[in-house]
Amino acid sequence: MGRRLNWWYEVMGIADYQRVRKGKFATKMMNMGFGYADVDYENTNLKRIASMITPDWHTYETYCLQMYDYITRDVDVKGKRMVEVGCGRGGGAYYVASSRKPLRYSALDFSPQNLKLARARFSNVQCLEFKESNAMDLPFDANSIDLVLNVESSHCYPDIARFYSEVHRILCPGGFFLYADLYSPDKVPGLQQKIQDAGFTIVKQEDMTVNVALAIRRYGASMVEIIDDDYGPYIRRFARKWMGDYEANAQYFEKRETVYFLMVLQK
């Protein structure tokens, strides 16, 4: 299943990059993760996010950006050397680089096609760079990075312990690893042990499962509209199963068959 998803990830990237080049595609689906929703947090927050992006961003994507906003809110990013592992199409990287003002934001992904799409859309942010990279072999010197971000990506990695070790290697002493992902509940304790074995201190851990389910409920129908409007039948068939079945996706979290966590880790 993992190889099949990776293949479709690349195919969608090729299709959307060609549309960007032809001027037929703006920013829909520049984020491909789940979003974050919280009534108390977002009453003014979504308006602030909307004020920082152009009107062609879709409602679904504002919830994705709110996820990035929430994850990075408790750590000072300004002036820091920052790396995101698994940046996808770069929407979250663009938002953090634009709003949090790091010294340098290196956004890494394994997909050359999606990186082309990210560069075509977000080349105007000076501190932001996109690089092709393997999460188990990060292209940075030891003790050279202040902050690492990983959002909803690590569950696809073949060697999670190696990934944790690589993040620990590149971080400066005292540096932070902001880590958010979804797993089955029985696997989380094992992840915590591997994180500690890699040398990290768990500063904060938060269960965001309810918030992710709420976000899916709010943007779900609009996600189907994006898929139906922007893709031909070949890609649409798979995309509706993968991303468009918002009822099933919401229920995975509501029934806690899958949990979504945030951890703030320090070297």
C-alpha atoms as a PDB file:
ATOM      1  CA  MET A   1       0.000   0.000   0.000  1.00  0.00           C
ATOM      2  CA  GLY A   2       2.859   2.384   0.827  1.00  0.00           C
ATOM      3  CA  ARG A   3       4.416   2.058  -2.631  1.00  0.00           C
ATOM      4  CA  ARG A   4       1.040   2.589  -4.262  1.00  0.00           C
ATOM      5  CA  LEU A   5       0.450   5.790  -2.270  1.00  0.00           C
ATOM      6  CA  ASN A   6       3.926   7.045  -3.141  1.00  0.00           C
ATOM      7  CA  TRP A   7       3.257   6.404  -6.826  1.00  0.00           C
ATOM      8  CA  TRP A   8      -0.031   8.317  -6.733  1.00  0.00           C
ATOM      9  CA  TYR A   9       1.636  11.107  -4.801  1.00  0.00           C
ATOM     10  CA  GLU A  10       4.082  11.497  -7.675  1.00  0.00           C
ATOM     11  CA  VAL A  11       1.390  11.223 -10.381  1.00  0.00           C
ATOM     12  CA  MET A  12      -0.707  13.966  -8.777  1.00  0.00           C
ATOM     13  CA  GLY A  13       2.413  16.105  -8.513  1.00  0.00           C
ATOM     14  CA  ILE A  14       3.144  15.722 -12.230  1.00  0.00           C
ATOM     15  CA  ALA A  15      -0.448  16.602 -13.173  1.00  0.00           C
ATOM     16  CA  ASP A  16      -0.602  19.677 -10.959  1.00  0.00           C
ATOM     17  CA  TYR A  17       2.857  20.967 -11.925  1.00  0.00           C
ATOM     18  CA  GLN A  18       1.860  20.933 -15.596  1.00  0.00           C
ATOM     19  CA  ARG A  19      -1.237  22.951 -14.745  1.00  0.00           C
ATOM     20  CA  VAL A  20       0.816  25.506 -12.822  1.00  0.00           C
ATOM     21  CA  ARG A  21       3.050  25.949 -15.862  1.00  0.00           C
ATOM     22  CA  LYS A  22      -0.008  26.527 -18.030  1.00  0.00           C
ATOM     23  CA  GLY A  23      -1.495  29.003 -15.569  1.00  0.00           C
ATOM     24  CA  LYS A  24      -4.547  26.813 -14.960  1.00  0.00           C
ATOM     25  CA  PHE A  25      -3.899  25.930 -11.341  1.00  0.00           C
ATOM     26  CA  ALA A  26      -3.346  28.265  -8.422  1.00  0.00           C
ATOM     27  CA  THR A  27      -3.011  26.960  -4.876  1.00  0.00           C
ATOM     28  CA  LYS A  28      -5.685  24.312  -4.368  1.00  0.00           C
ATOM     29  CA  MET A  29      -4.127  21.221  -2.847  1.00  0.00           C
ATOM     30  CA  MET A  30      -0.822  22.853  -1.940  1.00  0.00           C
ATOM     31  CA  ASN A  31      -1.425  21.110   1.371  1.00  0.00           C
ATOM     32  CA  MET A  32      -2.210  17.399   1.527  1.00  0.00           C
ATOM     33  CA  GLY A  33      -2.568  16.715   5.249  1.00  0.00           C
ATOM     34  CA  PHE A  34      -5.375  16.870   7.760  1.00  0.00           C
ATOM     35  CA  GLY A  35      -6.187  20.191   9.383  1.00  0.00           C
ATOM     36  CA  TYR A  36      -6.698  21.461  12.919  1.00  0.00           C
ATOM     37  CA  ALA A  37      -9.905  22.930  14.359  1.00  0.00           C
ATOM     38  CA  ASP A  38     -10.634  24.322  17.807  1.00  0.00           C
ATOM     39  CA  VAL A  39     -13.458  26.778  18.432  1.00  0.00           C
ATOM     40  CA  ASP A  40     -11.608  28.759  21.120  1.00  0.00           C
ATOM     41  CA  TYR A  41      -8.402  28.949  19.101  1.00  0.00           C
ATOM     42  CA  GLU A  42      -9.769  29.718  15.669  1.00  0.00           C
ATOM     43  CA  ASN A  43     -12.427  32.386  16.169  1.00  0.00           C
ATOM     44  CA  THR A  44      -9.882  35.066  15.299  1.00  0.00           C
ATOM     45  CA  ASN A  45      -7.089  32.821  14.093  1.00  0.00           C
ATOM     46  CA  LEU A  46      -8.642  31.752  10.781  1.00  0.00           C
ATOM     47  CA  LYS A  47      -9.248  35.395   9.913  1.00  0.00           C
ATOM     48  CA  ARG A  48      -5.597  36.179  10.636  1.00  0.00           C
ATOM     49  CA  ILE A  49      -4.446  33.262   8.467  1.00  0.00           C
ATOM     50  CA  ALA A  50      -6.800  34.305   5.669  1.00  0.00           C
ATOM     51  CA  SER A  51      -5.333  37.813   5.761  1.00  0.00           C
ATOM     52  CA  MET A  52      -1.862  36.400   5.028  1.00  0.00           C
ATOM     53  CA  ILE A  53      -2.795  34.386   1.931  1.00  0.00           C
ATOM     54  CA  THR A  54      -4.431  35.174  -1.386  1.00  0.00           C
ATOM     55  CA  PRO A  55      -8.169  34.584  -1.945  1.00  0.00           C
ATOM     56  CA  ASP A  56      -7.569  31.563  -4.202  1.00  0.00           C
ATOM     57  CA  TRP A  57      -6.541  29.403  -1.236  1.00  0.00           C
ATOM     58  CA  HIS A  58      -9.305  26.927  -0.534  1.00  0.00           C
ATOM     59  CA  THR A  59     -11.160  26.627   2.796  1.00  0.00           C
ATOM     60  CA  TYR A  60      -9.634  23.194   3.305  1.00  0.00           C
ATOM     61  CA  GLU A  61      -6.157  24.683   3.185  1.00  0.00           C
ATOM     62  CA  THR A  62      -6.804  27.263   5.885  1.00  0.00           C
ATOM     63  CA  TYR A  63      -7.366  24.384   8.297  1.00  0.00           C
ATOM     64  CA  CYS A  64      -4.093  22.804   7.156  1.00  0.00           C
ATOM     65  CA  LEU A  65      -2.300  26.098   7.763  1.00  0.00           C
ATOM     66  CA  GLN A  66      -3.965  26.361  11.149  1.00  0.00           C
ATOM     67  CA  MET A  67      -2.337  23.007  11.990  1.00  0.00           C
ATOM     68  CA  TYR A  68       1.095  24.468  11.208  1.00  0.00           C
ATOM     69  CA  ASP A  69       0.229  27.627  13.112  1.00  0.00           C
ATOM     70  CA  TYR A  70      -0.778  25.661  16.193  1.00  0.00           C
ATOM     71  CA  ILE A  71       2.220  23.324  16.139  1.00  0.00           C
ATOM     72  CA  THR A  72       4.732  26.179  15.931  1.00  0.00           C
ATOM     73  CA  ARG A  73       3.053  28.634  18.293  1.00  0.00           C
ATOM     74  CA  ASP A  74       4.942  27.726  21.499  1.00  0.00           C
ATOM     75  CA  VAL A  75       8.490  27.861  20.084  1.00  0.00           C
ATOM     76  CA  ASP A  76      10.347  30.984  18.975  1.00  0.00           C
ATOM     77  CA  VAL A  77      11.093  30.484  15.272  1.00  0.00           C
ATOM     78  CA  LYS A  78      12.239  33.998  14.364  1.00  0.00           C
ATOM     79  CA  GLY A  79      15.862  34.120  13.262  1.00  0.00           C
ATOM     80  CA  LYS A  80      16.348  30.349  13.632  1.00  0.00           C
ATOM     81  CA  ARG A  81      17.766  27.774  11.228  1.00  0.00           C
ATOM     82  CA  MET A  82      14.774  25.539  10.551  1.00  0.00           C
ATOM     83  CA  VAL A  83      14.235  22.277   8.669  1.00  0.00           C
ATOM     84  CA  GLU A  84      10.954  20.623   7.738  1.00  0.00           C
ATOM     85  CA  VAL A  85      11.199  16.938   6.874  1.00  0.00           C
ATOM     86  CA  GLY A  86       8.346  15.801   4.624  1.00  0.00           C
ATOM     87  CA  CYS A  87       7.149  19.195   3.357  1.00  0.00           C
ATOM     88  CA  GLY A  88       4.960  17.786   0.582  1.00  0.00           C
ATOM     89  CA  ARG A  89       3.820  20.561  -1.751  1.00  0.00           C
ATOM     90  CA  GLY A  90       5.149  23.286   0.505  1.00  0.00           C
ATOM     91  CA  GLY A  91       1.991  25.047   1.669  1.00  0.00           C
ATOM     92  CA  GLY A  92       2.838  24.692   5.348  1.00  0.00           C
ATOM     93  CA  ALA A  93       6.470  25.631   4.751  1.00  0.00           C
ATOM     94  CA  TYR A  94       5.359  28.771   2.922  1.00  0.00           C
ATOM     95  CA  TYR A  95       3.080  29.774   5.783  1.00  0.00           C
ATOM     96  CA  VAL A  96       5.638  29.251   8.570  1.00  0.00           C
ATOM     97  CA  ALA A  97       8.470  30.874   6.607  1.00  0.00           C
ATOM     98  CA  SER A  98       6.282  33.890   5.821  1.00  0.00           C
ATOM     99  CA  SER A  99       4.660  34.331   9.226  1.00  0.00           C
ATOM    100  CA  ARG A 100       7.310  33.174  11.707  1.00  0.00           C
ATOM    101  CA  LYS A 101      10.359  34.693   9.947  1.00  0.00           C
ATOM    102  CA  PRO A 102      13.098  32.068  10.466  1.00  0.00           C
ATOM    103  CA  LEU A 103      16.622  32.843   9.283  1.00  0.00           C
ATOM    104  CA  ARG A 104      16.462  29.909   6.892  1.00  0.00           C
ATOM    105  CA  TYR A 105      13.731  27.349   6.248  1.00  0.00           C
ATOM    106  CA  SER A 106      14.896  24.220   4.425  1.00  0.00           C
ATOM    107  CA  ALA A 107      11.870  22.199   3.301  1.00  0.00           C
ATOM    108  CA  LEU A 108      12.691  18.589   2.397  1.00  0.00           C
ATOM    109  CA  ASP A 109      10.688  15.938   0.565  1.00  0.00           C
ATOM    110  CA  PHE A 110      11.393  12.711  -1.330  1.00  0.00           C
ATOM    111  CA  SER A 111       9.132  13.617  -4.283  1.00  0.00           C
ATOM    112  CA  PRO A 112      10.830  15.581  -7.097  1.00  0.00           C
ATOM    113  CA  GLN A 113       7.502  16.315  -8.778  1.00  0.00           C
ATOM    114  CA  ASN A 114       5.916  17.833  -5.705  1.00  0.00           C
ATOM    115  CA  LEU A 115       9.069  19.841  -5.031  1.00  0.00           C
ATOM    116  CA  LYS A 116       8.816  21.269  -8.559  1.00  0.00           C
ATOM    117  CA  LEU A 117       5.274  22.296  -7.747  1.00  0.00           C
ATOM    118  CA  ALA A 118       6.370  23.901  -4.464  1.00  0.00           C
ATOM    119  CA  ARG A 119       9.207  25.845  -6.126  1.00  0.00           C
ATOM    120  CA  ALA A 120       6.906  27.061  -8.910  1.00  0.00           C
ATOM    121  CA  ARG A 121       4.402  28.424  -6.392  1.00  0.00           C
ATOM    122  CA  PHE A 122       6.553  29.636  -3.472  1.00  0.00           C
ATOM    123  CA  SER A 123       9.825  30.877  -4.946  1.00  0.00           C
ATOM    124  CA  ASN A 124       9.078  34.425  -3.767  1.00  0.00           C
ATOM    125  CA  VAL A 125       9.948  33.728  -0.097  1.00  0.00           C
ATOM    126  CA  GLN A 126      13.643  34.530   0.307  1.00  0.00           C
ATOM    127  CA  CYS A 127      14.391  32.413   3.381  1.00  0.00           C
ATOM    128  CA  LEU A 128      12.609  29.335   1.982  1.00  0.00           C
ATOM    129  CA  GLU A 129      14.365  26.603   0.000  1.00  0.00           C
ATOM    130  CA  PHE A 130      13.088  23.226  -1.190  1.00  0.00           C
ATOM    131  CA  LYS A 131      15.383  20.188  -1.347  1.00  0.00           C
ATOM    132  CA  GLU A 132      14.954  16.559  -2.352  1.00  0.00           C
ATOM    133  CA  SER A 133      16.060  14.367   0.531  1.00  0.00           C
ATOM    134  CA  ASN A 134      15.670  11.049   2.325  1.00  0.00           C
ATOM    135  CA  ALA A 135      14.330  11.381   5.867  1.00  0.00           C
ATOM    136  CA  MET A 136      16.754   8.714   7.063  1.00  0.00           C
ATOM    137  CA  ASP A 137      19.794  10.595   5.696  1.00  0.00           C
ATOM    138  CA  LEU A 138      19.354  14.316   6.281  1.00  0.00           C
ATOM    139  CA  PRO A 139      21.766  16.558   4.303  1.00  0.00           C
ATOM    140  CA  PHE A 140      23.019  18.703   7.202  1.00  0.00           C
ATOM    141  CA  ASP A 141      26.036  18.722   9.470  1.00  0.00           C
ATOM    142  CA  ALA A 142      25.778  17.640  13.096  1.00  0.00           C
ATOM    143  CA  ASN A 143      24.644  20.345  15.534  1.00  0.00           C
ATOM    144  CA  SER A 144      23.796  22.766  12.710  1.00  0.00           C
ATOM    145  CA  ILE A 145      19.995  23.240  12.975  1.00  0.00           C
ATOM    146  CA  ASP A 146      17.946  25.033  15.635  1.00  0.00           C
ATOM    147  CA  LEU A 147      14.517  23.595  14.909  1.00  0.00           C
ATOM    148  CA  VAL A 148      13.127  20.577  13.027  1.00  0.00           C
ATOM    149  CA  LEU A 149       9.480  20.204  12.021  1.00  0.00           C
ATOM    150  CA  ASN A 150       7.778  16.993  10.900  1.00  0.00           C
ATOM    151  CA  VAL A 151       4.033  16.984  10.240  1.00  0.00           C
ATOM    152  CA  GLU A 152       2.051  13.898   9.290  1.00  0.00           C
ATOM    153  CA  SER A 153       4.846  12.229   7.399  1.00  0.00           C
ATOM    154  CA  SER A 154       6.856   9.874   9.616  1.00  0.00           C
ATOM    155  CA  HIS A 155       4.273   7.059   9.540  1.00  0.00           C
ATOM    156  CA  CYS A 156       5.434   6.429   5.960  1.00  0.00           C
ATOM    157  CA  TYR A 157       9.131   6.028   6.871  1.00  0.00           C
ATOM    158  CA  PRO A 158      10.655   2.529   6.714  1.00  0.00           C
ATOM    159  CA  ASP A 159      13.007   3.090   9.678  1.00  0.00           C
ATOM    160  CA  ILE A 160      11.527   5.450  12.254  1.00  0.00           C
ATOM    161  CA  ALA A 161      14.365   4.955  14.756  1.00  0.00           C
ATOM    162  CA  ARG A 162      16.880   6.013  12.099  1.00  0.00           C
ATOM    163  CA  PHE A 163      14.804   9.111  11.394  1.00  0.00           C
ATOM    164  CA  TYR A 164      14.736  10.105  15.077  1.00  0.00           C
ATOM    165  CA  SER A 165      18.489   9.563  15.263  1.00  0.00           C
ATOM    166  CA  GLU A 166      19.081  11.784  12.216  1.00  0.00           C
ATOM    167  CA  VAL A 167      16.949  14.597  13.618  1.00  0.00           C
ATOM    168  CA  HIS A 168      18.845  14.393  16.910  1.00  0.00           C
ATOM    169  CA  ARG A 169      22.183  14.456  15.051  1.00  0.00           C
ATOM    170  CA  ILE A 170      21.506  17.662  13.101  1.00  0.00           C
ATOM    171  CA  LEU A 171      19.937  19.601  15.975  1.00  0.00           C
ATOM    172  CA  CYS A 172      22.037  21.942  18.077  1.00  0.00           C
ATOM    173  CA  PRO A 173      22.152  21.197  21.819  1.00  0.00           C
ATOM    174  CA  GLY A 174      18.914  22.552  23.242  1.00  0.00           C
ATOM    175  CA  GLY A 175      17.276  22.543  19.791  1.00  0.00           C
ATOM    176  CA  PHE A 176      13.618  21.598  19.365  1.00  0.00           C
ATOM    177  CA  PHE A 177      11.888  18.917  17.300  1.00  0.00           C
ATOM    178  CA  LEU A 178       8.199  19.711  16.646  1.00  0.00           C
ATOM    179  CA  TYR A 179       6.602  16.397  15.781  1.00  0.00           C
ATOM    180  CA  ALA A 180       2.992  15.693  14.781  1.00  0.00           C
ATOM    181  CA  ASP A 181       1.607  12.514  13.238  1.00  0.00           C
ATOM    182  CA  LEU A 182      -1.120   9.886  13.238  1.00  0.00           C
ATOM    183  CA  TYR A 183      -0.758   6.281  14.363  1.00  0.00           C
ATOM    184  CA  SER A 184      -2.859   3.488  15.790  1.00  0.00           C
ATOM    185  CA  PRO A 185      -3.057   3.970  19.583  1.00  0.00           C
ATOM    186  CA  ASP A 186      -1.144   0.778  20.384  1.00  0.00           C
ATOM    187  CA  LYS A 187       1.954   2.025  18.539  1.00  0.00           C
ATOM    188  CA  VAL A 188       2.376   5.338  20.378  1.00  0.00           C
ATOM    189  CA  PRO A 189       4.143   3.943  23.492  1.00  0.00           C
ATOM    190  CA  GLY A 190       6.728   2.261  21.260  1.00  0.00           C
ATOM    191  CA  LEU A 191       7.337   5.536  19.440  1.00  0.00           C
ATOM    192  CA  GLN A 192       7.830   7.340  22.748  1.00  0.00           C
ATOM    193  CA  GLN A 193      10.462   4.801  23.761  1.00  0.00           C
ATOM    194  CA  LYS A 194      12.323   5.146  20.460  1.00  0.00           C
ATOM    195  CA  ILE A 195      12.217   8.932  20.792  1.00  0.00           C
ATOM    196  CA  GLN A 196      13.790   8.728  24.241  1.00  0.00           C
ATOM    197  CA  ASP A 197      16.305   6.143  23.037  1.00  0.00           C
ATOM    198  CA  ALA A 198      17.398   8.658  20.371  1.00  0.00           C
ATOM    199  CA  GLY A 199      18.288  11.099  23.148  1.00  0.00           C
ATOM    200  CA  PHE A 200      15.275  13.432  23.190  1.00  0.00           C
ATOM    201  CA  THR A 201      13.447  14.837  26.198  1.00  0.00           C
ATOM    202  CA  ILE A 202       9.665  14.971  25.728  1.00  0.00           C
ATOM    203  CA  VAL A 203       8.831  18.550  26.767  1.00  0.00           C
ATOM    204  CA  LYS A 204       5.177  18.406  25.780  1.00  0.00           C
ATOM    205  CA  GLN A 205       2.765  15.826  24.444  1.00  0.00           C
ATOM    206  CA  GLU A 206      -0.766  16.620  23.307  1.00  0.00           C
ATOM    207  CA  ASP A 207      -3.555  14.488  21.856  1.00  0.00           C
ATOM    208  CA  MET A 208      -5.094  16.404  18.926  1.00  0.00           C
ATOM    209  CA  THR A 209      -7.357  13.593  17.696  1.00  0.00           C
ATOM    210  CA  VAL A 210     -10.605  15.436  18.443  1.00  0.00           C
ATOM    211  CA  ASN A 211      -9.327  18.591  16.756  1.00  0.00           C
ATOM    212  CA  VAL A 212      -8.378  16.756  13.564  1.00  0.00           C
ATOM    213  CA  ALA A 213     -11.755  15.004  13.391  1.00  0.00           C
ATOM    214  CA  LEU A 214     -13.519  18.345  13.797  1.00  0.00           C
ATOM    215  CA  ALA A 215     -11.466  19.894  10.999  1.00  0.00           C
ATOM    216  CA  ILE A 216     -12.338  17.032   8.647  1.00  0.00           C
ATOM    217  CA  ARG A 217     -16.039  17.502   9.419  1.00  0.00           C
ATOM    218  CA  ARG A 218     -15.763  21.192   8.588  1.00  0.00           C
ATOM    219  CA  TYR A 219     -13.893  20.991   5.282  1.00  0.00           C
ATOM    220  CA  GLY A 220     -14.877  17.501   4.091  1.00  0.00           C
ATOM    221  CA  ALA A 221     -17.471  18.375   1.464  1.00  0.00           C
ATOM    222  CA  SER A 222     -15.247  21.083  -0.003  1.00  0.00           C
ATOM    223  CA  MET A 223     -12.442  18.534  -0.404  1.00  0.00           C
ATOM    224  CA  VAL A 224     -14.668  16.473  -2.703  1.00  0.00           C
ATOM    225  CA  GLU A 225     -15.343  19.619  -4.743  1.00  0.00           C
ATOM    226  CA  ILE A 226     -11.602  20.192  -5.221  1.00  0.00           C
ATOM    227  CA  ILE A 227     -11.084  16.623  -6.414  1.00  0.00           C
ATOM    228  CA  ASP A 228     -14.041  16.679  -8.798  1.00  0.00           C
ATOM    229  CA  ASP A 229     -13.237  20.133 -10.211  1.00  0.00           C
ATOM    230  CA  ASP A 230      -9.472  19.817 -10.592  1.00  0.00           C
ATOM    231  CA  TYR A 231      -8.765  16.244 -11.685  1.00  0.00           C
ATOM    232  CA  GLY A 232      -9.668  13.989 -14.568  1.00  0.00           C
ATOM    233  CA  PRO A 233     -11.389  10.615 -14.057  1.00  0.00           C
ATOM    234  CA  TYR A 234      -8.141   8.617 -13.833  1.00  0.00           C
ATOM    235  CA  ILE A 235      -6.736  10.518 -10.855  1.00  0.00           C
ATOM    236  CA  ARG A 236     -10.142  11.400  -9.437  1.00  0.00           C
ATOM    237  CA  ARG A 237     -11.058   7.753  -8.847  1.00  0.00           C
ATOM    238  CA  PHE A 238      -8.130   7.173  -6.518  1.00  0.00           C
ATOM    239  CA  ALA A 239      -8.138  10.661  -4.946  1.00  0.00           C
ATOM    240  CA  ARG A 240     -11.743  10.267  -3.819  1.00  0.00           C
ATOM    241  CA  LYS A 241     -10.840   7.028  -2.019  1.00  0.00           C
ATOM    242  CA  TRP A 242      -7.643   8.436  -0.539  1.00  0.00           C
ATOM    243  CA  MET A 243      -8.720  11.967   0.440  1.00  0.00           C
ATOM    244  CA  GLY A 244     -12.363  12.446  -0.501  1.00  0.00           C
ATOM    245  CA  ASP A 245     -14.007   9.915   1.815  1.00  0.00           C
ATOM    246  CA  TYR A 246     -14.192  12.448   4.609  1.00  0.00           C
ATOM    247  CA  GLU A 247     -16.859  10.527   6.525  1.00  0.00           C
ATOM    248  CA  ALA A 248     -14.581   7.512   6.901  1.00  0.00           C
ATOM    249  CA  ASN A 249     -11.560   9.689   7.652  1.00  0.00           C
ATOM    250  CA  ALA A 250     -13.412  11.558  10.410  1.00  0.00           C
ATOM    251  CA  GLN A 251     -14.665   8.325  11.944  1.00  0.00           C
ATOM    252  CA  TYR A 252     -11.169   6.840  12.133  1.00  0.00           C
ATOM    253  CA  PHE A 253     -10.320   9.624  14.572  1.00  0.00           C
ATOM    254  CA  GLU A 254     -13.680   9.865  16.322  1.00  0.00           C
ATOM    255  CA  LYS A 255     -13.593   6.155  17.138  1.00  0.00           C
ATOM    256  CA  ARG A 256      -9.883   6.488  18.023  1.00  0.00           C
ATOM    257  CA  GLU A 257      -8.906   3.752  15.612  1.00  0.00           C
ATOM    258  CA  THR A 258      -6.245   6.320  14.726  1.00  0.00           C
ATOM    259  CA  VAL A 259      -4.886   8.993  17.074  1.00  0.00           C
ATOM    260  CA  TYR A 260      -3.147  12.236  16.175  1.00  0.00           C
ATOM    261  CA  PHE A 261      -0.478  13.560  18.522  1.00  0.00           C
ATOM    262  CA  LEU A 262       1.802  16.548  18.883  1.00  0.00           C
ATOM    263  CA  MET A 263       5.115  16.237  20.685  1.00  0.00           C
ATOM    264  CA  VAL A 264       7.584  19.003  21.469  1.00  0.00           C
ATOM    265  CA  LEU A 265      10.974  17.333  21.879  1.00  0.00           C
ATOM    266  CA  GLN A 266      14.286  18.831  22.914  1.00  0.00           C
ATOM    267  CA  LYS A 267      17.841  17.675  22.384  1.00  0.00           C
END
